[in-house]
Every structure is written in C-alpha cells, then in structure tokens.
Amino acid sequence: MPCLLLLLIMAFPRVALVCMWLFTSMLDRAYHGLLIPLLGFFFLPITTIVYAWMVTHHMAIDGVNLVILIIAVLADAGSHGGGRNYYRGRR
C-alpha cells in the first residue's frame, strides 16, 4: 500500500493533495489556514505533501529529512522548468 501511495504522489501530486484534503486531516494539522496549501496546490504540490507528512509525523526538519524536503522542492522546480525547455526547442 505505501508503494501505491508513493506512485500516486509522484504521478498525480495534485490529485494526491485533493485526496489528502478530503480523506485525512494531515493538511489541517500541518498548515493552519487555507492559503499555504492552496498556493502549494498550484506551485509546489510535492513539497506541500512532503512537508505535511513530516509535520504530521513529528519529524524534525533537519538532516536526512531536510534532504528529502530539498529533493521534493527540486522535483517541483524540475516539473516547472521542463516545459520551457521543450517549447524552446520546437521553434
């Protein structure tokens, strides 16, 4: 089951965020309000999921956990930058 959840998060991060919001209270416990998860939905969905998971499970944001969070940020940034390079090559 955890492997299926990881596959869902990597393939469809926005779908996973909506499912987390509807069926769990992880986002409510990690973020106090609606603005940050809403911005995370549009700009950094994988980072939003990873941070909510770390805060909900009371993990310190240092060491290996910080590396995991940085990898999530890089994965989100890579998904935004890849489209620009694709369209630049088609001219």
C-alpha atoms as a PDB file:
ATOM      1  CA  MET A   1       0.000   0.000   0.000  1.00  0.00           C
ATOM      2  CA  PRO A   2       2.762   2.570   0.736  1.00  0.00           C
ATOM      3  CA  CYS A   3       4.290   1.915  -2.697  1.00  0.00           C
ATOM      4  CA  LEU A   4       0.919   2.603  -4.314  1.00  0.00           C
ATOM      5  CA  LEU A   5       0.648   5.852  -2.352  1.00  0.00           C
ATOM      6  CA  LEU A   6       4.143   6.883  -3.462  1.00  0.00           C
ATOM      7  CA  LEU A   7       3.245   6.131  -7.089  1.00  0.00           C
ATOM      8  CA  LEU A   8       0.085   8.235  -6.763  1.00  0.00           C
ATOM      9  CA  ILE A   9       2.029  11.141  -5.252  1.00  0.00           C
ATOM     10  CA  MET A  10       4.714  11.106  -7.937  1.00  0.00           C
ATOM     11  CA  ALA A  11       2.317  10.636 -10.871  1.00  0.00           C
ATOM     12  CA  PHE A  12      -0.542  12.859  -9.757  1.00  0.00           C
ATOM     13  CA  PRO A  13       0.566  15.215  -6.964  1.00  0.00           C
ATOM     14  CA  ARG A  14      -2.470  17.483  -7.230  1.00  0.00           C
ATOM     15  CA  VAL A  15      -4.849  14.516  -7.113  1.00  0.00           C
ATOM     16  CA  ALA A  16      -2.993  13.235  -4.059  1.00  0.00           C
ATOM     17  CA  LEU A  17      -3.302  16.666  -2.395  1.00  0.00           C
ATOM     18  CA  VAL A  18      -7.058  16.739  -3.005  1.00  0.00           C
ATOM     19  CA  CYS A  19      -7.379  13.197  -1.625  1.00  0.00           C
ATOM     20  CA  MET A  20      -5.337  14.178   1.435  1.00  0.00           C
ATOM     21  CA  TRP A  21      -7.580  17.193   1.981  1.00  0.00           C
ATOM     22  CA  LEU A  22     -10.811  15.206   1.568  1.00  0.00           C
ATOM     23  CA  PHE A  23      -9.970  11.970   3.389  1.00  0.00           C
ATOM     24  CA  THR A  24      -7.326  12.834   6.012  1.00  0.00           C
ATOM     25  CA  SER A  25      -6.555  15.654   8.404  1.00  0.00           C
ATOM     26  CA  MET A  26      -2.851  15.833   7.520  1.00  0.00           C
ATOM     27  CA  LEU A  27      -3.118  19.206   5.788  1.00  0.00           C
ATOM     28  CA  ASP A  28      -5.183  20.645   8.647  1.00  0.00           C
ATOM     29  CA  ARG A  29      -2.577  19.567  11.193  1.00  0.00           C
ATOM     30  CA  ALA A  30       0.377  20.795   9.138  1.00  0.00           C
ATOM     31  CA  TYR A  31      -0.999  24.109   7.880  1.00  0.00           C
ATOM     32  CA  HIS A  32      -3.168  26.495   9.851  1.00  0.00           C
ATOM     33  CA  GLY A  33      -5.312  28.088   7.199  1.00  0.00           C
ATOM     34  CA  LEU A  34      -6.089  27.625   3.542  1.00  0.00           C
ATOM     35  CA  LEU A  35      -3.679  29.997   1.797  1.00  0.00           C
ATOM     36  CA  ILE A  36      -0.436  27.958   2.019  1.00  0.00           C
ATOM     37  CA  PRO A  37      -1.977  24.615   0.918  1.00  0.00           C
ATOM     38  CA  LEU A  38      -3.785  26.411  -1.922  1.00  0.00           C
ATOM     39  CA  LEU A  39      -0.552  28.029  -3.127  1.00  0.00           C
ATOM     40  CA  GLY A  40       1.173  24.670  -2.720  1.00  0.00           C
ATOM     41  CA  PHE A  41      -1.518  23.053  -4.865  1.00  0.00           C
ATOM     42  CA  PHE A  42      -0.674  25.329  -7.780  1.00  0.00           C
ATOM     43  CA  PHE A  43       3.097  25.849  -7.440  1.00  0.00           C
ATOM     44  CA  LEU A  44       4.776  23.171  -5.244  1.00  0.00           C
ATOM     45  CA  PRO A  45       2.436  20.181  -4.765  1.00  0.00           C
ATOM     46  CA  ILE A  46       5.083  17.534  -3.960  1.00  0.00           C
ATOM     47  CA  THR A  47       6.765  19.844  -1.444  1.00  0.00           C
ATOM     48  CA  THR A  48       3.393  20.562   0.180  1.00  0.00           C
ATOM     49  CA  ILE A  49       2.711  16.836   0.542  1.00  0.00           C
ATOM     50  CA  VAL A  50       6.173  16.029   1.929  1.00  0.00           C
ATOM     51  CA  TYR A  51       6.107  18.904   4.437  1.00  0.00           C
ATOM     52  CA  ALA A  52       2.608  17.951   5.647  1.00  0.00           C
ATOM     53  CA  TRP A  53       3.768  14.344   6.073  1.00  0.00           C
ATOM     54  CA  MET A  54       6.827  15.413   8.081  1.00  0.00           C
ATOM     55  CA  VAL A  55       4.925  17.781  10.346  1.00  0.00           C
ATOM     56  CA  THR A  56       2.093  15.308  10.942  1.00  0.00           C
ATOM     57  CA  HIS A  57       4.529  12.547  11.924  1.00  0.00           C
ATOM     58  CA  HIS A  58       6.516  14.909  14.190  1.00  0.00           C
ATOM     59  CA  MET A  59       9.734  14.607  12.208  1.00  0.00           C
ATOM     60  CA  ALA A  60      12.426  17.215  12.727  1.00  0.00           C
ATOM     61  CA  ILE A  61      13.231  19.238   9.622  1.00  0.00           C
ATOM     62  CA  ASP A  62      16.961  18.584   9.710  1.00  0.00           C
ATOM     63  CA  GLY A  63      19.463  16.017   8.489  1.00  0.00           C
ATOM     64  CA  VAL A  64      18.008  13.365   6.201  1.00  0.00           C
ATOM     65  CA  ASN A  65      14.519  14.860   6.414  1.00  0.00           C
ATOM     66  CA  LEU A  66      15.844  18.181   5.156  1.00  0.00           C
ATOM     67  CA  VAL A  67      17.458  16.377   2.214  1.00  0.00           C
ATOM     68  CA  ILE A  68      14.102  14.726   1.420  1.00  0.00           C
ATOM     69  CA  LEU A  69      12.389  18.128   1.532  1.00  0.00           C
ATOM     70  CA  ILE A  70      15.038  19.650  -0.761  1.00  0.00           C
ATOM     71  CA  ILE A  71      14.582  16.768  -3.223  1.00  0.00           C
ATOM     72  CA  ALA A  72      10.827  17.489  -3.218  1.00  0.00           C
ATOM     73  CA  VAL A  73      11.483  21.167  -3.981  1.00  0.00           C
ATOM     74  CA  LEU A  74      13.839  20.199  -6.819  1.00  0.00           C
ATOM     75  CA  ALA A  75      11.268  17.766  -8.230  1.00  0.00           C
ATOM     76  CA  ASP A  76       8.662  20.534  -8.254  1.00  0.00           C
ATOM     77  CA  ALA A  77      11.085  23.023  -9.788  1.00  0.00           C
ATOM     78  CA  GLY A  78      12.079  20.496 -12.437  1.00  0.00           C
ATOM     79  CA  SER A  79       8.483  19.961 -13.430  1.00  0.00           C
ATOM     80  CA  HIS A  80       8.025  23.709 -13.953  1.00  0.00           C
ATOM     81  CA  GLY A  81      11.237  24.230 -15.915  1.00  0.00           C
ATOM     82  CA  GLY A  82      10.902  21.227 -18.221  1.00  0.00           C
ATOM     83  CA  GLY A  83       8.060  22.701 -20.248  1.00  0.00           C
ATOM     84  CA  ARG A  84      10.017  25.830 -21.041  1.00  0.00           C
ATOM     85  CA  ASN A  85      12.916  23.826 -22.464  1.00  0.00           C
ATOM     86  CA  TYR A  86      10.539  21.653 -24.502  1.00  0.00           C
ATOM     87  CA  TYR A  87       8.867  24.621 -26.153  1.00  0.00           C
ATOM     88  CA  ARG A  88      12.145  26.459 -26.695  1.00  0.00           C
ATOM     89  CA  GLY A  89      13.461  23.563 -28.795  1.00  0.00           C
ATOM     90  CA  ARG A  90      10.379  23.484 -31.052  1.00  0.00           C
ATOM     91  CA  ARG A  91      10.951  26.918 -32.592  1.00  0.00           C
END
